[in-house]
């Protein structure tokens, strides 16, 4: 239904239906905990209140998504 898009450090973040996340077309596997926060195996032991915050942390902290690979 609803799709949210944002460009962050040259990467296109797409959130579809507030549950599917992709960064530059690469799907990011996320789960939602009982407390409502989101988490991913890319950033173990951390939770984020929104998928957008999680996506931005993936871009900033996961080597596959460093700023040198961005499309900017």
PDB file of N, CA and C in Angstrom:
ATOM      1  N   UNK A   1       0.826  -1.188   0.000  1.00  0.00           N
ATOM      2  CA  UNK A   1       0.000   0.000   0.000  1.00  0.00           C
ATOM      3  C   UNK A   1       0.869   1.251   0.000  1.00  0.00           C
ATOM      4  N   UNK A   2       1.292   1.663   1.200  1.00  0.00           N
ATOM      5  CA  UNK A   2       2.087   2.884   1.303  1.00  0.00           C
ATOM      6  C   UNK A   2       3.558   2.571   1.077  1.00  0.00           C
ATOM      7  N   UNK A   3       4.183   3.450   0.329  1.00  0.00           N
ATOM      8  CA  UNK A   3       5.616   3.294   0.078  1.00  0.00           C
ATOM      9  C   UNK A   3       6.308   4.570   0.509  1.00  0.00           C
ATOM     10  N   UNK A   4       7.407   4.407   1.217  1.00  0.00           N
ATOM     11  CA  UNK A   4       8.194   5.534   1.690  1.00  0.00           C
ATOM     12  C   UNK A   4       9.564   5.436   1.033  1.00  0.00           C
ATOM     13  N   UNK A   5      10.020   6.544   0.437  1.00  0.00           N
ATOM     14  CA  UNK A   5      11.337   6.573  -0.208  1.00  0.00           C
ATOM     15  C   UNK A   5      12.144   7.738   0.342  1.00  0.00           C
ATOM     16  N   UNK A   6      13.444   7.500   0.436  1.00  0.00           N
ATOM     17  CA  UNK A   6      14.344   8.560   0.883  1.00  0.00           C
ATOM     18  C   UNK A   6      15.727   8.262   0.327  1.00  0.00           C
ATOM     19  N   UNK A   7      16.433   9.299  -0.071  1.00  0.00           N
ATOM     20  CA  UNK A   7      17.825   9.154  -0.450  1.00  0.00           C
ATOM     21  C   UNK A   7      18.662   9.576   0.746  1.00  0.00           C
ATOM     22  N   UNK A   8      19.556   8.683   1.157  1.00  0.00           N
ATOM     23  CA  UNK A   8      20.400   8.923   2.321  1.00  0.00           C
ATOM     24  C   UNK A   8      21.825   8.587   1.940  1.00  0.00           C
ATOM     25  N   UNK A   9      22.694   9.613   1.934  1.00  0.00           N
ATOM     26  CA  UNK A   9      24.105   9.448   1.566  1.00  0.00           C
ATOM     27  C   UNK A   9      24.269   8.748   0.219  1.00  0.00           C
ATOM     28  N   UNK A  10      23.387   9.064  -0.721  1.00  0.00           N
ATOM     29  CA  UNK A  10      23.485   8.517  -2.066  1.00  0.00           C
ATOM     30  C   UNK A  10      22.801   7.181  -2.252  1.00  0.00           C
ATOM     31  N   UNK A  11      22.199   6.651  -1.231  1.00  0.00           N
ATOM     32  CA  UNK A  11      21.504   5.366  -1.310  1.00  0.00           C
ATOM     33  C   UNK A  11      20.006   5.589  -1.275  1.00  0.00           C
ATOM     34  N   UNK A  12      19.287   4.870  -2.118  1.00  0.00           N
ATOM     35  CA  UNK A  12      17.836   4.955  -2.104  1.00  0.00           C
ATOM     36  C   UNK A  12      17.290   3.927  -1.114  1.00  0.00           C
ATOM     37  N   UNK A  13      16.577   4.413  -0.123  1.00  0.00           N
ATOM     38  CA  UNK A  13      15.927   3.568   0.868  1.00  0.00           C
ATOM     39  C   UNK A  13      14.449   3.507   0.503  1.00  0.00           C
ATOM     40  N   UNK A  14      13.924   2.289   0.398  1.00  0.00           N
ATOM     41  CA  UNK A  14      12.507   2.103   0.086  1.00  0.00           C
ATOM     42  C   UNK A  14      11.894   1.222   1.163  1.00  0.00           C
ATOM     43  N   UNK A  15      10.828   1.736   1.771  1.00  0.00           N
ATOM     44  CA  UNK A  15      10.061   0.974   2.757  1.00  0.00           C
ATOM     45  C   UNK A  15       8.670   0.799   2.181  1.00  0.00           C
ATOM     46  N   UNK A  16       8.267  -0.442   2.012  1.00  0.00           N
ATOM     47  CA  UNK A  16       6.975  -0.766   1.408  1.00  0.00           C
ATOM     48  C   UNK A  16       6.064  -1.373   2.462  1.00  0.00           C
ATOM     49  N   UNK A  17       4.896  -0.809   2.634  1.00  0.00           N
ATOM     50  CA  UNK A  17       3.898  -1.292   3.597  1.00  0.00           C
ATOM     51  C   UNK A  17       4.432  -1.331   5.026  1.00  0.00           C
ATOM     52  N   UNK A  18       5.427  -0.514   5.321  1.00  0.00           N
ATOM     53  CA  UNK A  18       6.039  -0.426   6.644  1.00  0.00           C
ATOM     54  C   UNK A  18       6.531  -1.774   7.172  1.00  0.00           C
ATOM     55  N   UNK A  19       6.932  -2.661   6.247  1.00  0.00           N
ATOM     56  CA  UNK A  19       7.489  -3.931   6.691  1.00  0.00           C
ATOM     57  C   UNK A  19       8.575  -4.472   5.768  1.00  0.00           C
ATOM     58  N   UNK A  20       8.611  -4.048   4.526  1.00  0.00           N
ATOM     59  CA  UNK A  20       9.632  -4.494   3.579  1.00  0.00           C
ATOM     60  C   UNK A  20      10.623  -3.356   3.350  1.00  0.00           C
ATOM     61  N   UNK A  21      11.894  -3.671   3.505  1.00  0.00           N
ATOM     62  CA  UNK A  21      12.936  -2.657   3.409  1.00  0.00           C
ATOM     63  C   UNK A  21      13.943  -3.041   2.340  1.00  0.00           C
ATOM     64  N   UNK A  22      14.328  -2.067   1.510  1.00  0.00           N
ATOM     65  CA  UNK A  22      15.373  -2.275   0.509  1.00  0.00           C
ATOM     66  C   UNK A  22      16.273  -1.043   0.483  1.00  0.00           C
ATOM     67  N   UNK A  23      17.570  -1.287   0.328  1.00  0.00           N
ATOM     68  CA  UNK A  23      18.550  -0.215   0.179  1.00  0.00           C
ATOM     69  C   UNK A  23      19.214  -0.418  -1.169  1.00  0.00           C
ATOM     70  N   UNK A  24      19.057   0.560  -2.060  1.00  0.00           N
ATOM     71  CA  UNK A  24      19.558   0.471  -3.437  1.00  0.00           C
ATOM     72  C   UNK A  24      19.135  -0.836  -4.107  1.00  0.00           C
ATOM     73  N   UNK A  25      17.905  -1.232  -3.876  1.00  0.00           N
ATOM     74  CA  UNK A  25      17.350  -2.417  -4.511  1.00  0.00           C
ATOM     75  C   UNK A  25      17.678  -3.722  -3.814  1.00  0.00           C
ATOM     76  N   UNK A  26      18.524  -3.688  -2.801  1.00  0.00           N
ATOM     77  CA  UNK A  26      18.879  -4.907  -2.068  1.00  0.00           C
ATOM     78  C   UNK A  26      17.960  -5.048  -0.857  1.00  0.00           C
ATOM     79  N   UNK A  27      17.204  -6.141  -0.824  1.00  0.00           N
ATOM     80  CA  UNK A  27      16.282  -6.378   0.291  1.00  0.00           C
ATOM     81  C   UNK A  27      17.065  -6.591   1.581  1.00  0.00           C
ATOM     82  N   UNK A  28      16.597  -5.956   2.640  1.00  0.00           N
ATOM     83  CA  UNK A  28      17.186  -6.101   3.965  1.00  0.00           C
ATOM     84  C   UNK A  28      16.181  -6.863   4.824  1.00  0.00           C
ATOM     85  N   UNK A  29      16.597  -8.005   5.326  1.00  0.00           N
ATOM     86  CA  UNK A  29      15.731  -8.825   6.159  1.00  0.00           C
ATOM     87  C   UNK A  29      15.593  -8.173   7.531  1.00  0.00           C
ATOM     88  N   UNK A  30      14.361  -7.830   7.898  1.00  0.00           N
ATOM     89  CA  UNK A  30      14.103  -7.207   9.195  1.00  0.00           C
ATOM     90  C   UNK A  30      12.995  -7.965   9.913  1.00  0.00           C
ATOM     91  N   UNK A  31      13.016  -7.837  11.220  1.00  0.00           N
ATOM     92  CA  UNK A  31      11.972  -8.416  12.052  1.00  0.00           C
ATOM     93  C   UNK A  31      11.498  -7.350  13.021  1.00  0.00           C
ATOM     94  N   UNK A  32      10.262  -7.539  13.492  1.00  0.00           N
ATOM     95  CA  UNK A  32       9.694  -6.602  14.453  1.00  0.00           C
ATOM     96  C   UNK A  32       9.488  -7.345  15.763  1.00  0.00           C
ATOM     97  N   UNK A  33      10.073  -6.814  16.820  1.00  0.00           N
ATOM     98  CA  UNK A  33       9.964  -7.439  18.126  1.00  0.00           C
ATOM     99  C   UNK A  33       8.625  -7.166  18.777  1.00  0.00           C
ATOM    100  N   UNK A  34       8.369  -7.865  19.866  1.00  0.00           N
ATOM    101  CA  UNK A  34       7.123  -7.687  20.609  1.00  0.00           C
ATOM    102  C   UNK A  34       6.967  -6.272  21.140  1.00  0.00           C
ATOM    103  N   UNK A  35       8.090  -5.596  21.352  1.00  0.00           N
ATOM    104  CA  UNK A  35       8.057  -4.219  21.848  1.00  0.00           C
ATOM    105  C   UNK A  35       7.817  -3.195  20.730  1.00  0.00           C
ATOM    106  N   UNK A  36       7.708  -3.668  19.479  1.00  0.00           N
ATOM    107  CA  UNK A  36       7.440  -2.778  18.350  1.00  0.00           C
ATOM    108  C   UNK A  36       8.671  -2.262  17.648  1.00  0.00           C
ATOM    109  N   UNK A  37       9.848  -2.540  18.182  1.00  0.00           N
ATOM    110  CA  UNK A  37      11.090  -2.095  17.545  1.00  0.00           C
ATOM    111  C   UNK A  37      11.529  -3.081  16.473  1.00  0.00           C
ATOM    112  N   UNK A  38      12.314  -2.574  15.527  1.00  0.00           N
ATOM    113  CA  UNK A  38      12.803  -3.381  14.403  1.00  0.00           C
ATOM    114  C   UNK A  38      14.251  -3.774  14.629  1.00  0.00           C
ATOM    115  N   UNK A  39      14.623  -4.929  14.111  1.00  0.00           N
ATOM    116  CA  UNK A  39      16.006  -5.373  14.190  1.00  0.00           C
ATOM    117  C   UNK A  39      16.361  -6.184  12.950  1.00  0.00           C
ATOM    118  N   UNK A  40      17.676  -6.318  12.702  1.00  0.00           N
ATOM    119  CA  UNK A  40      18.182  -7.041  11.542  1.00  0.00           C
ATOM    120  C   UNK A  40      19.489  -7.730  11.920  1.00  0.00           C
ATOM    121  N   UNK A  41      19.790  -8.798  11.229  1.00  0.00           N
ATOM    122  CA  UNK A  41      21.049  -9.507  11.497  1.00  0.00           C
ATOM    123  C   UNK A  41      22.259  -8.691  11.039  1.00  0.00           C
ATOM    124  N   UNK A  42      22.046  -7.676  10.200  1.00  0.00           N
ATOM    125  CA  UNK A  42      23.149  -6.806   9.790  1.00  0.00           C
ATOM    126  C   UNK A  42      23.724  -6.030  10.974  1.00  0.00           C
ATOM    127  N   UNK A  43      22.877  -5.729  11.950  1.00  0.00           N
ATOM    128  CA  UNK A  43      23.286  -4.962  13.132  1.00  0.00           C
ATOM    129  C   UNK A  43      22.798  -5.705  14.377  1.00  0.00           C
ATOM    130  N   UNK A  44      23.507  -6.756  14.761  1.00  0.00           N
ATOM    131  CA  UNK A  44      23.031  -7.573  15.885  1.00  0.00           C
ATOM    132  C   UNK A  44      22.988  -6.793  17.194  1.00  0.00           C
ATOM    133  N   UNK A  45      22.060  -7.183  18.027  1.00  0.00           N
ATOM    134  CA  UNK A  45      21.916  -6.662  19.390  1.00  0.00           C
ATOM    135  C   UNK A  45      21.489  -5.202  19.448  1.00  0.00           C
ATOM    136  N   UNK A  46      20.941  -4.681  18.360  1.00  0.00           N
ATOM    137  CA  UNK A  46      20.426  -3.319  18.383  1.00  0.00           C
ATOM    138  C   UNK A  46      19.025  -3.316  17.805  1.00  0.00           C
ATOM    139  N   UNK A  47      18.196  -2.421  18.318  1.00  0.00           N
ATOM    140  CA  UNK A  47      16.821  -2.285  17.853  1.00  0.00           C
ATOM    141  C   UNK A  47      16.563  -0.821  17.528  1.00  0.00           C
ATOM    142  N   UNK A  48      15.630  -0.599  16.606  1.00  0.00           N
ATOM    143  CA  UNK A  48      15.330   0.755  16.153  1.00  0.00           C
ATOM    144  C   UNK A  48      13.816   0.957  16.133  1.00  0.00           C
ATOM    145  N   UNK A  49      13.354   2.138  16.529  1.00  0.00           N
ATOM    146  CA  UNK A  49      11.916   2.380  16.575  1.00  0.00           C
ATOM    147  C   UNK A  49      11.250   2.466  15.198  1.00  0.00           C
ATOM    148  N   UNK A  50      12.037   2.797  14.162  1.00  0.00           N
ATOM    149  CA  UNK A  50      11.476   2.872  12.811  1.00  0.00           C
ATOM    150  C   UNK A  50      12.374   2.147  11.813  1.00  0.00           C
ATOM    151  N   UNK A  51      11.780   1.724  10.725  1.00  0.00           N
ATOM    152  CA  UNK A  51      12.569   1.089   9.661  1.00  0.00           C
ATOM    153  C   UNK A  51      13.529   2.081   9.018  1.00  0.00           C
ATOM    154  N   UNK A  52      13.140   3.345   8.936  1.00  0.00           N
ATOM    155  CA  UNK A  52      14.013   4.353   8.332  1.00  0.00           C
ATOM    156  C   UNK A  52      15.281   4.531   9.171  1.00  0.00           C
ATOM    157  N   UNK A  53      15.148   4.568  10.481  1.00  0.00           N
ATOM    158  CA  UNK A  53      16.329   4.678  11.337  1.00  0.00           C
ATOM    159  C   UNK A  53      17.221   3.448  11.189  1.00  0.00           C
ATOM    160  N   UNK A  54      16.612   2.278  11.117  1.00  0.00           N
ATOM    161  CA  UNK A  54      17.374   1.051  10.923  1.00  0.00           C
ATOM    162  C   UNK A  54      18.120   1.104   9.589  1.00  0.00           C
ATOM    163  N   UNK A  55      17.445   1.524   8.533  1.00  0.00           N
ATOM    164  CA  UNK A  55      18.066   1.596   7.207  1.00  0.00           C
ATOM    165  C   UNK A  55      19.248   2.553   7.198  1.00  0.00           C
ATOM    166  N   UNK A  56      19.114   3.697   7.842  1.00  0.00           N
ATOM    167  CA  UNK A  56      20.201   4.669   7.888  1.00  0.00           C
ATOM    168  C   UNK A  56      21.395   4.109   8.655  1.00  0.00           C
ATOM    169  N   UNK A  57      21.159   3.369   9.714  1.00  0.00           N
ATOM    170  CA  UNK A  57      22.250   2.742  10.455  1.00  0.00           C
ATOM    171  C   UNK A  57      22.936   1.659   9.622  1.00  0.00           C
ATOM    172  N   UNK A  58      22.163   0.928   8.818  1.00  0.00           N
ATOM    173  CA  UNK A  58      22.754  -0.075   7.921  1.00  0.00           C
ATOM    174  C   UNK A  58      23.693   0.623   6.939  1.00  0.00           C
ATOM    175  N   UNK A  59      23.233   1.716   6.335  1.00  0.00           N
ATOM    176  CA  UNK A  59      24.075   2.458   5.393  1.00  0.00           C
ATOM    177  C   UNK A  59      25.345   2.946   6.075  1.00  0.00           C
ATOM    178  N   UNK A  60      25.226   3.464   7.291  1.00  0.00           N
ATOM    179  CA  UNK A  60      26.374   4.020   8.004  1.00  0.00           C
ATOM    180  C   UNK A  60      27.344   2.969   8.540  1.00  0.00           C
ATOM    181  N   UNK A  61      26.851   1.770   8.870  1.00  0.00           N
ATOM    182  CA  UNK A  61      27.668   0.842   9.650  1.00  0.00           C
ATOM    183  C   UNK A  61      27.921  -0.532   9.042  1.00  0.00           C
ATOM    184  N   UNK A  62      27.322  -0.836   7.914  1.00  0.00           N
ATOM    185  CA  UNK A  62      27.531  -2.139   7.291  1.00  0.00           C
ATOM    186  C   UNK A  62      28.455  -1.956   6.092  1.00  0.00           C
ATOM    187  N   UNK A  63      29.579  -2.670   6.054  1.00  0.00           N
ATOM    188  CA  UNK A  63      30.560  -2.475   4.974  1.00  0.00           C
ATOM    189  C   UNK A  63      29.978  -2.592   3.564  1.00  0.00           C
ATOM    190  N   UNK A  64      28.976  -3.412   3.361  1.00  0.00           N
ATOM    191  CA  UNK A  64      28.358  -3.529   2.032  1.00  0.00           C
ATOM    192  C   UNK A  64      27.716  -2.225   1.587  1.00  0.00           C
ATOM    193  N   UNK A  65      27.451  -1.337   2.527  1.00  0.00           N
ATOM    194  CA  UNK A  65      26.757  -0.087   2.220  1.00  0.00           C
ATOM    195  C   UNK A  65      27.574   1.117   2.677  1.00  0.00           C
ATOM    196  N   UNK A  66      28.862   1.130   2.353  1.00  0.00           N
ATOM    197  CA  UNK A  66      29.652   2.293   2.749  1.00  0.00           C
ATOM    198  C   UNK A  66      29.400   3.440   1.790  1.00  0.00           C
ATOM    199  N   UNK A  67      29.781   4.640   2.187  1.00  0.00           N
ATOM    200  CA  UNK A  67      29.480   5.826   1.380  1.00  0.00           C
ATOM    201  C   UNK A  67      30.230   5.847   0.061  1.00  0.00           C
ATOM    202  N   UNK A  68      31.284   5.055  -0.071  1.00  0.00           N
ATOM    203  CA  UNK A  68      32.012   5.019  -1.340  1.00  0.00           C
ATOM    204  C   UNK A  68      31.245   4.284  -2.414  1.00  0.00           C
ATOM    205  N   UNK A  69      30.296   3.438  -2.021  1.00  0.00           N
ATOM    206  CA  UNK A  69      29.510   2.671  -2.985  1.00  0.00           C
ATOM    207  C   UNK A  69      28.242   3.376  -3.390  1.00  0.00           C
ATOM    208  N   UNK A  70      27.908   4.462  -2.719  1.00  0.00           N
ATOM    209  CA  UNK A  70      26.656   5.157  -2.995  1.00  0.00           C
ATOM    210  C   UNK A  70      26.635   5.750  -4.391  1.00  0.00           C
ATOM    211  N   UNK A  71      25.450   6.071  -4.852  1.00  0.00           N
ATOM    212  CA  UNK A  71      25.289   6.557  -6.221  1.00  0.00           C
ATOM    213  C   UNK A  71      25.408   8.066  -6.315  1.00  0.00           C
ATOM    214  N   UNK A  72      25.778   8.746  -5.243  1.00  0.00           N
ATOM    215  CA  UNK A  72      25.943  10.201  -5.292  1.00  0.00           C
ATOM    216  C   UNK A  72      27.325  10.557  -5.807  1.00  0.00           C
TER     217      UNK A  72
END
